[in-house]
Amino acid sequence: MKEDEAKVAFLQYIHTWPTFGSAFFDVKQTNDSSYPEVITVAINKRGVIIIHPQTKVHNYCRYSCLLMNHTEYKYSFCYW
């Protein structure tokens, strides 16, 4: 395999990863006691992914919208 072919194959492979193309944020969460206080949230065109910071296990967010309260500088996920 030539170098250019290897690069294309690599990009095609990682493109299938759920976090491909994500922006990552470490956030303090206060809603779910089953998660640690600080979690990592990845946002990409596929949606929102919540990542446990120690185990790196990730789940697609069950929530369909992201709301921001500008006065308190905190984000909330909501059910729809």
Protein backbone atom coordinates (compact mmCIF):
# COMPACT_ATOMS: atom_id res chain seq x y z
CA MET A 1 0.00 0.00 0.00
CA LYS A 2 1.34 3.40 -0.96
CA GLU A 3 1.56 6.24 1.56
CA ASP A 4 -1.34 8.18 0.04
CA GLU A 5 -3.52 5.06 -0.02
CA ALA A 6 -2.67 4.38 3.64
CA LYS A 7 -3.70 7.92 4.59
CA VAL A 8 -7.03 7.57 2.79
CA ALA A 9 -7.66 4.16 4.38
CA PHE A 10 -6.86 5.55 7.82
CA LEU A 11 -9.22 8.51 7.39
CA GLN A 12 -11.98 6.24 6.10
CA TYR A 13 -11.52 4.04 9.15
CA ILE A 14 -11.55 6.80 11.79
CA HIS A 15 -14.46 8.51 10.05
CA THR A 16 -16.64 5.69 11.44
CA TRP A 17 -15.72 6.49 15.05
CA PRO A 18 -18.57 8.14 16.98
CA THR A 19 -16.32 11.00 18.13
CA PHE A 20 -14.84 11.78 14.70
CA GLY A 21 -14.96 15.52 14.04
CA SER A 22 -16.05 16.37 17.58
CA ALA A 23 -15.33 19.38 19.72
CA PHE A 24 -14.65 18.20 23.28
CA PHE A 25 -15.58 20.01 26.49
CA ASP A 26 -14.97 19.08 30.12
CA VAL A 27 -18.10 20.13 31.98
CA LYS A 28 -19.41 20.00 35.52
CA GLN A 29 -22.66 18.11 35.69
CA THR A 30 -25.14 18.23 38.54
CA ASN A 31 -28.13 16.22 37.29
CA ASP A 32 -27.13 12.55 37.34
CA SER A 33 -25.46 11.03 40.40
CA SER A 34 -24.44 7.96 38.37
CA TYR A 35 -21.95 10.14 36.46
CA PRO A 36 -18.91 11.83 37.99
CA GLU A 37 -19.05 15.54 38.77
CA VAL A 38 -16.90 16.42 35.74
CA ILE A 39 -17.65 14.69 32.45
CA THR A 40 -16.49 15.16 28.89
CA VAL A 41 -19.06 16.17 26.30
CA ALA A 42 -18.29 15.73 22.60
CA ILE A 43 -20.40 17.57 20.05
CA ASN A 44 -20.35 16.78 16.36
CA LYS A 45 -22.72 16.70 13.39
CA ARG A 46 -24.14 13.37 14.61
CA GLY A 47 -25.14 14.74 18.00
CA VAL A 48 -23.95 14.98 21.59
CA ILE A 49 -21.84 12.27 23.22
CA ILE A 50 -21.27 12.00 26.96
CA ILE A 51 -17.91 10.45 27.86
CA HIS A 52 -16.99 9.15 31.30
CA PRO A 53 -13.59 10.77 32.03
CA GLN A 54 -12.01 7.73 33.72
CA THR A 55 -13.42 4.80 31.76
CA LYS A 56 -13.76 6.65 28.42
CA VAL A 57 -17.04 4.79 27.92
CA HIS A 58 -19.34 6.97 25.84
CA ASN A 59 -23.06 7.15 25.23
CA TYR A 60 -24.97 9.11 22.68
CA CYS A 61 -27.08 11.62 24.47
CA ARG A 62 -30.75 10.68 24.67
CA TYR A 63 -31.60 14.36 24.64
CA SER A 64 -32.63 16.28 21.59
CA CYS A 65 -31.76 19.84 22.52
CA LEU A 66 -29.15 21.80 24.40
CA LEU A 67 -30.27 24.87 26.34
CA MET A 68 -28.07 27.54 27.84
CA ASN A 69 -28.93 29.85 30.70
CA HIS A 70 -26.79 32.94 30.10
CA THR A 71 -27.27 34.33 33.57
CA GLU A 72 -25.91 31.24 35.31
CA TYR A 73 -23.48 30.03 32.62
CA LYS A 74 -24.67 26.47 32.77
CA TYR A 75 -25.99 24.05 30.20
CA SER A 76 -28.90 21.68 30.58
CA PHE A 77 -29.95 18.77 28.43
CA CYS A 78 -33.68 18.33 28.06
CA TYR A 79 -35.96 15.45 27.13
CA TRP A 80 -38.33 15.74 24.17
